[in-house]
C-alpha cells in the first residue's frame, strides 16, 4: 500500500507541475500572450516614434535661428484667430 501511495503522490505532483507548465503564470499560454503583447507594443512604439519625428520637424521649423515664414504665419493665424483680407473664408452653419 505504501508503494502505491508513493506512486499516486508522484503522479499527482507530476500532473500538478505539468498543468502549471502549460497554464501557469509563466507557462506556455502566458508566453503566447506575452508574445502577442510584445507585437502590439512594438507597433505602438513605431507609431509613436513616427509621431515624435513629425513633431520634431514641426518644432524645428519654429526655431528662432531659422524660422519658416509659412509655419510662423500658420501658427500666428491659428492662435490669434487672424484672417488676412485676401483669404477666402468659408463659414459652416450649425444644424
C-alpha atoms as a PDB file:
ATOM      1  CA  UNK A   1       0.000   0.000   0.000  1.00  0.00           C
ATOM      2  CA  UNK A   2       2.849   2.365   0.788  1.00  0.00           C
ATOM      3  CA  UNK A   3       4.362   1.881  -2.653  1.00  0.00           C
ATOM      4  CA  UNK A   4       1.026   2.599  -4.301  1.00  0.00           C
ATOM      5  CA  UNK A   5       0.603   5.784  -2.237  1.00  0.00           C
ATOM      6  CA  UNK A   6       4.083   6.957  -3.242  1.00  0.00           C
ATOM      7  CA  UNK A   7       3.273   6.360  -6.913  1.00  0.00           C
ATOM      8  CA  UNK A   8      -0.026   8.211  -6.538  1.00  0.00           C
ATOM      9  CA  UNK A   9       1.683  11.180  -4.854  1.00  0.00           C
ATOM     10  CA  UNK A  10       4.412  11.232  -7.522  1.00  0.00           C
ATOM     11  CA  UNK A  11       1.777  11.101 -10.301  1.00  0.00           C
ATOM     12  CA  UNK A  12      -0.185  13.920  -8.635  1.00  0.00           C
ATOM     13  CA  UNK A  13       2.960  16.067  -8.378  1.00  0.00           C
ATOM     14  CA  UNK A  14       3.873  15.404 -11.990  1.00  0.00           C
ATOM     15  CA  UNK A  15       0.325  16.250 -13.085  1.00  0.00           C
ATOM     16  CA  UNK A  16       0.329  19.426 -10.967  1.00  0.00           C
ATOM     17  CA  UNK A  17       3.623  20.672 -12.392  1.00  0.00           C
ATOM     18  CA  UNK A  18       2.597  19.620 -15.901  1.00  0.00           C
ATOM     19  CA  UNK A  19      -0.617  21.631 -15.718  1.00  0.00           C
ATOM     20  CA  UNK A  20       1.261  24.593 -14.261  1.00  0.00           C
ATOM     21  CA  UNK A  21       3.844  24.397 -17.040  1.00  0.00           C
ATOM     22  CA  UNK A  22       1.035  24.837 -19.544  1.00  0.00           C
ATOM     23  CA  UNK A  23      -1.412  27.213 -17.829  1.00  0.00           C
ATOM     24  CA  UNK A  24       0.590  28.815 -15.031  1.00  0.00           C
ATOM     25  CA  UNK A  25       1.804  32.392 -14.700  1.00  0.00           C
ATOM     26  CA  UNK A  26       4.998  31.562 -16.612  1.00  0.00           C
ATOM     27  CA  UNK A  27       3.550  28.712 -18.686  1.00  0.00           C
ATOM     28  CA  UNK A  28       3.167  28.214 -22.409  1.00  0.00           C
ATOM     29  CA  UNK A  29      -0.139  30.105 -22.636  1.00  0.00           C
ATOM     30  CA  UNK A  30       1.341  33.064 -20.787  1.00  0.00           C
ATOM     31  CA  UNK A  31       4.287  33.061 -23.169  1.00  0.00           C
ATOM     32  CA  UNK A  32       1.965  33.252 -26.182  1.00  0.00           C
ATOM     33  CA  UNK A  33       0.062  36.134 -24.591  1.00  0.00           C
ATOM     34  CA  UNK A  34       3.349  37.912 -23.862  1.00  0.00           C
ATOM     35  CA  UNK A  35       4.436  37.452 -27.479  1.00  0.00           C
ATOM     36  CA  UNK A  36       1.168  38.998 -28.683  1.00  0.00           C
ATOM     37  CA  UNK A  37       1.594  41.899 -26.283  1.00  0.00           C
ATOM     38  CA  UNK A  38       5.173  42.407 -27.496  1.00  0.00           C
ATOM     39  CA  UNK A  39       3.934  42.657 -31.092  1.00  0.00           C
ATOM     40  CA  UNK A  40       1.235  45.192 -30.130  1.00  0.00           C
ATOM     41  CA  UNK A  41       3.622  47.302 -28.095  1.00  0.00           C
ATOM     42  CA  UNK A  42       6.261  47.206 -30.832  1.00  0.00           C
ATOM     43  CA  UNK A  43       3.799  48.544 -33.402  1.00  0.00           C
ATOM     44  CA  UNK A  44       2.653  51.225 -30.964  1.00  0.00           C
ATOM     45  CA  UNK A  45       6.280  52.175 -30.328  1.00  0.00           C
ATOM     46  CA  UNK A  46       6.918  52.534 -34.063  1.00  0.00           C
ATOM     47  CA  UNK A  47       3.811  54.722 -34.431  1.00  0.00           C
ATOM     48  CA  UNK A  48       4.854  56.915 -31.511  1.00  0.00           C
ATOM     49  CA  UNK A  49       8.380  57.280 -32.874  1.00  0.00           C
ATOM     50  CA  UNK A  50       6.999  58.417 -36.234  1.00  0.00           C
ATOM     51  CA  UNK A  51       4.698  60.858 -34.451  1.00  0.00           C
ATOM     52  CA  UNK A  52       7.643  62.207 -32.468  1.00  0.00           C
ATOM     53  CA  UNK A  53       9.729  62.681 -35.602  1.00  0.00           C
ATOM     54  CA  UNK A  54       6.880  64.616 -37.220  1.00  0.00           C
ATOM     55  CA  UNK A  55       6.512  66.804 -34.123  1.00  0.00           C
ATOM     56  CA  UNK A  56      10.259  67.440 -34.001  1.00  0.00           C
ATOM     57  CA  UNK A  57      10.199  68.502 -37.650  1.00  0.00           C
ATOM     58  CA  UNK A  58       7.380  70.960 -36.950  1.00  0.00           C
ATOM     59  CA  UNK A  59       9.232  72.357 -33.924  1.00  0.00           C
ATOM     60  CA  UNK A  60      12.449  72.699 -35.903  1.00  0.00           C
ATOM     61  CA  UNK A  61      10.586  74.946 -38.345  1.00  0.00           C
ATOM     62  CA  UNK A  62       9.787  77.330 -35.493  1.00  0.00           C
ATOM     63  CA  UNK A  63      13.316  77.670 -34.095  1.00  0.00           C
ATOM     64  CA  UNK A  64      14.426  81.270 -33.644  1.00  0.00           C
ATOM     65  CA  UNK A  65      17.615  80.962 -35.713  1.00  0.00           C
ATOM     66  CA  UNK A  66      15.770  79.807 -38.853  1.00  0.00           C
ATOM     67  CA  UNK A  67      12.051  80.477 -38.769  1.00  0.00           C
ATOM     68  CA  UNK A  68       9.978  79.213 -41.657  1.00  0.00           C
ATOM     69  CA  UNK A  69       7.704  82.133 -42.600  1.00  0.00           C
ATOM     70  CA  UNK A  70       4.844  79.887 -43.695  1.00  0.00           C
ATOM     71  CA  UNK A  71       4.894  77.947 -40.436  1.00  0.00           C
ATOM     72  CA  UNK A  72       5.075  81.123 -38.381  1.00  0.00           C
ATOM     73  CA  UNK A  73       2.170  82.614 -40.334  1.00  0.00           C
ATOM     74  CA  UNK A  74       0.108  79.459 -39.885  1.00  0.00           C
ATOM     75  CA  UNK A  75       0.675  79.288 -36.123  1.00  0.00           C
ATOM     76  CA  UNK A  76       0.033  83.015 -35.609  1.00  0.00           C
ATOM     77  CA  UNK A  77      -3.219  82.883 -37.554  1.00  0.00           C
ATOM     78  CA  UNK A  78      -4.352  79.804 -35.672  1.00  0.00           C
ATOM     79  CA  UNK A  79      -3.569  81.166 -32.210  1.00  0.00           C
ATOM     80  CA  UNK A  80      -4.842  84.698 -32.827  1.00  0.00           C
ATOM     81  CA  UNK A  81      -7.823  83.729 -34.982  1.00  0.00           C
ATOM     82  CA  UNK A  82      -6.466  86.123 -37.596  1.00  0.00           C
ATOM     83  CA  UNK A  83      -7.636  86.101 -41.202  1.00  0.00           C
ATOM     84  CA  UNK A  84      -5.912  88.044 -43.940  1.00  0.00           C
ATOM     85  CA  UNK A  85      -8.120  90.292 -46.073  1.00  0.00           C
ATOM     86  CA  UNK A  86      -7.205  88.277 -49.204  1.00  0.00           C
ATOM     87  CA  UNK A  87      -8.047  84.925 -47.599  1.00  0.00           C
ATOM     88  CA  UNK A  88     -11.121  83.024 -48.599  1.00  0.00           C
ATOM     89  CA  UNK A  89     -13.193  82.168 -45.520  1.00  0.00           C
ATOM     90  CA  UNK A  90     -15.896  79.552 -45.567  1.00  0.00           C
ATOM     91  CA  UNK A  91     -18.424  79.604 -42.745  1.00  0.00           C
ATOM     92  CA  UNK A  92     -20.203  76.392 -41.859  1.00  0.00           C
ATOM     93  CA  UNK A  93     -23.505  76.844 -40.067  1.00  0.00           C
ATOM     94  CA  UNK A  94     -24.550  74.658 -37.182  1.00  0.00           C
ATOM     95  CA  UNK A  95     -27.518  72.391 -37.880  1.00  0.00           C
END
